[in-house]
C-alpha atoms as a PDB file:
ATOM      1  CA  MET A   1      47.067  59.321  29.207  1.00  0.00           C
ATOM      2  CA  GLU A   2      46.573  58.307  32.832  1.00  0.00           C
ATOM      3  CA  ARG A   3      42.812  58.488  33.500  1.00  0.00           C
ATOM      4  CA  VAL A   4      40.496  57.370  30.705  1.00  0.00           C
ATOM      5  CA  VAL A   5      36.691  57.250  30.597  1.00  0.00           C
ATOM      6  CA  VAL A   6      34.994  55.064  27.962  1.00  0.00           C
ATOM      7  CA  LEU A   7      31.338  55.877  27.256  1.00  0.00           C
ATOM      8  CA  GLY A   8      28.767  54.839  24.660  1.00  0.00           C
ATOM      9  CA  ARG A   9      25.626  52.961  23.779  1.00  0.00           C
ATOM     10  CA  GLY A  10      25.043  49.504  25.226  1.00  0.00           C
ATOM     11  CA  ALA A  11      26.906  46.694  23.454  1.00  0.00           C
ATOM     12  CA  ALA A  12      29.153  49.136  21.584  1.00  0.00           C
ATOM     13  CA  GLY A  13      32.208  47.326  22.931  1.00  0.00           C
ATOM     14  CA  LYS A  14      33.199  49.638  25.783  1.00  0.00           C
ATOM     15  CA  SER A  15      34.589  46.870  27.995  1.00  0.00           C
ATOM     16  CA  THR A  16      36.501  45.245  25.145  1.00  0.00           C
ATOM     17  CA  ALA A  17      37.968  48.595  24.093  1.00  0.00           C
ATOM     18  CA  ALA A  18      38.928  49.371  27.690  1.00  0.00           C
ATOM     19  CA  ARG A  19      40.671  45.998  28.075  1.00  0.00           C
ATOM     20  CA  GLN A  20      42.565  46.475  24.800  1.00  0.00           C
ATOM     21  CA  LEU A  21      43.611  49.973  25.791  1.00  0.00           C
ATOM     22  CA  GLY A  22      44.633  48.687  29.216  1.00  0.00           C
ATOM     23  CA  GLU A  23      46.841  46.050  27.601  1.00  0.00           C
ATOM     24  CA  ALA A  24      48.448  48.653  25.339  1.00  0.00           C
ATOM     25  CA  THR A  25      49.058  51.223  28.080  1.00  0.00           C
ATOM     26  CA  GLY A  26      49.440  49.138  31.233  1.00  0.00           C
ATOM     27  CA  LEU A  27      46.671  51.139  32.915  1.00  0.00           C
ATOM     28  CA  PRO A  28      44.309  49.240  35.235  1.00  0.00           C
ATOM     29  CA  VAL A  29      40.798  48.749  33.865  1.00  0.00           C
ATOM     30  CA  ILE A  30      37.707  49.259  36.018  1.00  0.00           C
ATOM     31  CA  GLU A  31      34.508  47.822  34.539  1.00  0.00           C
ATOM     32  CA  LEU A  32      31.794  49.923  36.169  1.00  0.00           C
ATOM     33  CA  ASP A  33      28.918  47.569  35.299  1.00  0.00           C
ATOM     34  CA  LYS A  34      30.435  44.935  37.599  1.00  0.00           C
ATOM     35  CA  LEU A  35      30.605  47.410  40.475  1.00  0.00           C
ATOM     36  CA  PHE A  36      27.276  49.145  39.923  1.00  0.00           C
ATOM     37  CA  TRP A  37      24.806  46.294  39.498  1.00  0.00           C
ATOM     38  CA  GLN A  38      23.906  44.411  42.640  1.00  0.00           C
ATOM     39  CA  PRO A  39      22.150  41.024  42.603  1.00  0.00           C
ATOM     40  CA  GLY A  40      18.752  41.089  40.986  1.00  0.00           C
ATOM     41  CA  PRO A  41      20.143  43.070  39.104  1.00  0.00           C
ATOM     42  CA  THR A  42      19.504  46.069  41.306  1.00  0.00           C
ATOM     43  CA  PRO A  43      21.186  49.448  40.768  1.00  0.00           C
ATOM     44  CA  THR A  44      23.460  50.821  43.477  1.00  0.00           C
ATOM     45  CA  PRO A  45      21.747  53.711  45.308  1.00  0.00           C
ATOM     46  CA  HIS A  46      22.697  57.037  43.706  1.00  0.00           C
ATOM     47  CA  GLN A  47      24.581  58.613  46.642  1.00  0.00           C
ATOM     48  CA  GLU A  48      26.462  55.390  47.288  1.00  0.00           C
ATOM     49  CA  TRP A  49      27.398  55.228  43.583  1.00  0.00           C
ATOM     50  CA  ILE A  50      28.690  58.806  43.649  1.00  0.00           C
ATOM     51  CA  LYS A  51      30.858  58.031  46.676  1.00  0.00           C
ATOM     52  CA  ARG A  52      32.202  54.834  45.083  1.00  0.00           C
ATOM     53  CA  GLN A  53      33.155  56.694  41.898  1.00  0.00           C
ATOM     54  CA  GLN A  54      34.871  59.418  43.903  1.00  0.00           C
ATOM     55  CA  GLU A  55      36.995  56.731  45.564  1.00  0.00           C
ATOM     56  CA  LEU A  56      37.827  55.089  42.248  1.00  0.00           C
ATOM     57  CA  ALA A  57      38.609  58.368  40.487  1.00  0.00           C
ATOM     58  CA  ALA A  58      40.902  59.518  43.309  1.00  0.00           C
ATOM     59  CA  THR A  59      43.535  56.980  42.282  1.00  0.00           C
ATOM     60  CA  LYS A  60      46.282  58.105  39.932  1.00  0.00           C
ATOM     61  CA  HIS A  61      45.880  55.719  36.968  1.00  0.00           C
ATOM     62  CA  TRP A  62      42.784  54.044  35.532  1.00  0.00           C
ATOM     63  CA  ILE A  63      40.524  53.275  32.609  1.00  0.00           C
ATOM     64  CA  MET A  64      36.841  53.297  33.602  1.00  0.00           C
ATOM     65  CA  ASP A  65      34.385  51.867  31.154  1.00  0.00           C
ATOM     66  CA  GLY A  66      30.664  52.069  31.460  1.00  0.00           C
ATOM     67  CA  ASP A  67      27.682  54.153  30.528  1.00  0.00           C
ATOM     68  CA  LEU A  68      24.873  53.493  32.954  1.00  0.00           C
ATOM     69  CA  GLY A  69      22.312  55.697  31.231  1.00  0.00           C
ATOM     70  CA  PRO A  70      19.692  57.059  33.629  1.00  0.00           C
ATOM     71  CA  TYR A  71      21.526  55.631  36.657  1.00  0.00           C
ATOM     72  CA  ASP A  72      24.867  57.269  35.983  1.00  0.00           C
ATOM     73  CA  ALA A  73      26.727  60.111  37.689  1.00  0.00           C
ATOM     74  CA  LEU A  74      29.241  61.040  34.987  1.00  0.00           C
ATOM     75  CA  SER A  75      30.691  64.114  36.653  1.00  0.00           C
ATOM     76  CA  GLU A  76      32.516  62.066  39.272  1.00  0.00           C
ATOM     77  CA  ARG A  77      34.817  60.376  36.789  1.00  0.00           C
ATOM     78  CA  LEU A  78      34.860  62.997  34.044  1.00  0.00           C
ATOM     79  CA  THR A  79      36.301  65.696  36.309  1.00  0.00           C
ATOM     80  CA  ARG A  80      39.426  63.554  36.819  1.00  0.00           C
ATOM     81  CA  ALA A  81      39.707  62.168  33.274  1.00  0.00           C
ATOM     82  CA  ASP A  82      42.440  63.298  30.918  1.00  0.00           C
ATOM     83  CA  THR A  83      41.041  61.228  28.019  1.00  0.00           C
ATOM     84  CA  VAL A  84      37.456  60.399  27.040  1.00  0.00           C
ATOM     85  CA  LEU A  85      36.389  57.875  24.404  1.00  0.00           C
ATOM     86  CA  ILE A  86      32.799  58.040  23.184  1.00  0.00           C
ATOM     87  CA  LEU A  87      31.787  54.950  21.215  1.00  0.00           C
ATOM     88  CA  ASP A  88      28.933  56.358  19.151  1.00  0.00           C
ATOM     89  CA  PHE A  89      28.202  53.285  17.032  1.00  0.00           C
ATOM     90  CA  CYS A  90      24.997  52.674  15.099  1.00  0.00           C
ATOM     91  CA  LEU A  91      21.962  51.019  16.654  1.00  0.00           C
ATOM     92  CA  ALA A  92      22.025  48.034  14.284  1.00  0.00           C
ATOM     93  CA  ARG A  93      25.584  47.085  15.235  1.00  0.00           C
ATOM     94  CA  CYS A  94      24.960  47.459  18.964  1.00  0.00           C
ATOM     95  CA  ALA A  95      21.664  45.546  18.839  1.00  0.00           C
ATOM     96  CA  TRP A  96      23.371  42.716  16.939  1.00  0.00           C
ATOM     97  CA  GLN A  97      26.147  42.591  19.544  1.00  0.00           C
ATOM     98  CA  ALA A  98      23.612  42.607  22.393  1.00  0.00           C
ATOM     99  CA  LEU A  99      21.614  39.767  20.836  1.00  0.00           C
ATOM    100  CA  HIS A 100      24.730  37.636  20.611  1.00  0.00           C
ATOM    101  CA  ARG A 101      26.280  38.321  23.993  1.00  0.00           C
ATOM    102  CA  SER A 102      23.526  37.623  26.512  1.00  0.00           C
ATOM    103  CA  ARG A 103      19.911  37.940  27.450  1.00  0.00           C
ATOM    104  CA  GLU A 104      19.119  41.524  28.380  1.00  0.00           C
ATOM    105  CA  ARG A 105      16.269  43.039  30.347  1.00  0.00           C
ATOM    106  CA  ALA A 106      13.627  45.297  28.797  1.00  0.00           C
ATOM    107  CA  ASP A 107      15.155  48.428  30.385  1.00  0.00           C
ATOM    108  CA  PHE A 108      18.471  47.665  28.659  1.00  0.00           C
ATOM    109  CA  TRP A 109      16.740  47.433  25.286  1.00  0.00           C
ATOM    110  CA  TRP A 110      14.905  50.717  25.901  1.00  0.00           C
ATOM    111  CA  TRP A 111      18.212  52.399  26.781  1.00  0.00           C
ATOM    112  CA  LEU A 112      19.868  50.882  23.703  1.00  0.00           C
ATOM    113  CA  LEU A 113      17.059  52.023  21.387  1.00  0.00           C
ATOM    114  CA  THR A 114      16.817  55.555  22.802  1.00  0.00           C
ATOM    115  CA  TRP A 115      20.506  56.239  23.517  1.00  0.00           C
ATOM    116  CA  ARG A 116      21.219  58.352  20.442  1.00  0.00           C
ATOM    117  CA  TRP A 117      18.434  60.904  20.996  1.00  0.00           C
ATOM    118  CA  ARG A 118      17.843  60.615  24.745  1.00  0.00           C
ATOM    119  CA  TYR A 119      21.164  59.830  26.468  1.00  0.00           C
ATOM    120  CA  ARG A 120      23.879  60.847  24.004  1.00  0.00           C
ATOM    121  CA  PRO A 121      23.032  64.574  24.352  1.00  0.00           C
ATOM    122  CA  ALA A 122      23.440  64.275  28.135  1.00  0.00           C
ATOM    123  CA  VAL A 123      26.745  62.404  27.700  1.00  0.00           C
ATOM    124  CA  LEU A 124      28.091  65.049  25.312  1.00  0.00           C
ATOM    125  CA  THR A 125      26.990  67.865  27.622  1.00  0.00           C
ATOM    126  CA  ALA A 126      28.600  66.152  30.616  1.00  0.00           C
ATOM    127  CA  VAL A 127      31.851  65.693  28.690  1.00  0.00           C
ATOM    128  CA  ARG A 128      31.892  69.371  27.644  1.00  0.00           C
ATOM    129  CA  THR A 129      31.060  70.484  31.182  1.00  0.00           C
ATOM    130  CA  PHE A 130      33.174  68.199  33.356  1.00  0.00           C
ATOM    131  CA  ALA A 131      36.003  67.088  31.050  1.00  0.00           C
ATOM    132  CA  ALA A 132      36.671  70.375  29.295  1.00  0.00           C
ATOM    133  CA  ILE A 133      40.457  69.914  29.357  1.00  0.00           C
ATOM    134  CA  ALA A 134      40.431  66.195  28.497  1.00  0.00           C
ATOM    135  CA  SER A 135      41.349  64.833  25.096  1.00  0.00           C
ATOM    136  CA  VAL A 136      37.979  63.700  23.688  1.00  0.00           C
ATOM    137  CA  HIS A 137      37.746  61.068  20.945  1.00  0.00           C
ATOM    138  CA  HIS A 138      34.243  60.750  19.486  1.00  0.00           C
ATOM    139  CA  LEU A 139      34.476  57.473  17.566  1.00  0.00           C
ATOM    140  CA  ARG A 140      31.595  56.631  15.226  1.00  0.00           C
ATOM    141  CA  ASN A 141      32.521  53.153  13.994  1.00  0.00           C
ATOM    142  CA  PRO A 142      34.718  50.173  14.891  1.00  0.00           C
ATOM    143  CA  ARG A 143      37.339  51.151  12.300  1.00  0.00           C
ATOM    144  CA  GLN A 144      37.911  54.504  14.021  1.00  0.00           C
ATOM    145  CA  LEU A 145      38.173  52.708  17.365  1.00  0.00           C
ATOM    146  CA  GLN A 146      40.759  50.251  15.999  1.00  0.00           C
ATOM    147  CA  ARG A 147      42.825  53.114  14.570  1.00  0.00           C
ATOM    148  CA  PHE A 148      42.745  54.801  17.966  1.00  0.00           C
ATOM    149  CA  LEU A 149      43.676  51.603  19.840  1.00  0.00           C
ATOM    150  CA  THR A 150      46.555  50.731  17.502  1.00  0.00           C
ATOM    151  CA  SER A 151      47.933  54.247  17.313  1.00  0.00           C
ATOM    152  CA  PRO A 152      51.651  54.251  18.265  1.00  0.00           C
ATOM    153  CA  ILE A 153      50.948  56.877  20.939  1.00  0.00           C
ATOM    154  CA  HIS A 154      49.174  54.191  23.030  1.00  0.00           C
ATOM    155  CA  GLN A 155      51.818  51.503  22.685  1.00  0.00           C
END
């Protein structure tokens, strides 16, 4: 495990999982939300975002967390990934987490509410298409994530 992509619905815990995995493996963690959103918040222009991901993915070791929904360009990081985590947690859990972490904009809530039927199919297709040789872990609840993170293989 040298290049890991963490995807999933908003407030599923992608950044926390990435940090925990980074601590266990020693891999550097790249939180894509911090790089993508400009003041306002304004999304990074699409071509600029593709180029930035190409630069990030060209390095040898990393964990990249983030699922930017309609703004994303998944192929750029998935083609280099050897491991993909999909945090496919229920809406109620993610909404509860989002309510307790910060104030979110209306477009975030729309993405959160529609992720399972609108964005998850695109994520799964992108993973099958661009990360065909990667080890894919489709985790459906926090217990499965904890088992993955505490597995001796990651220590």
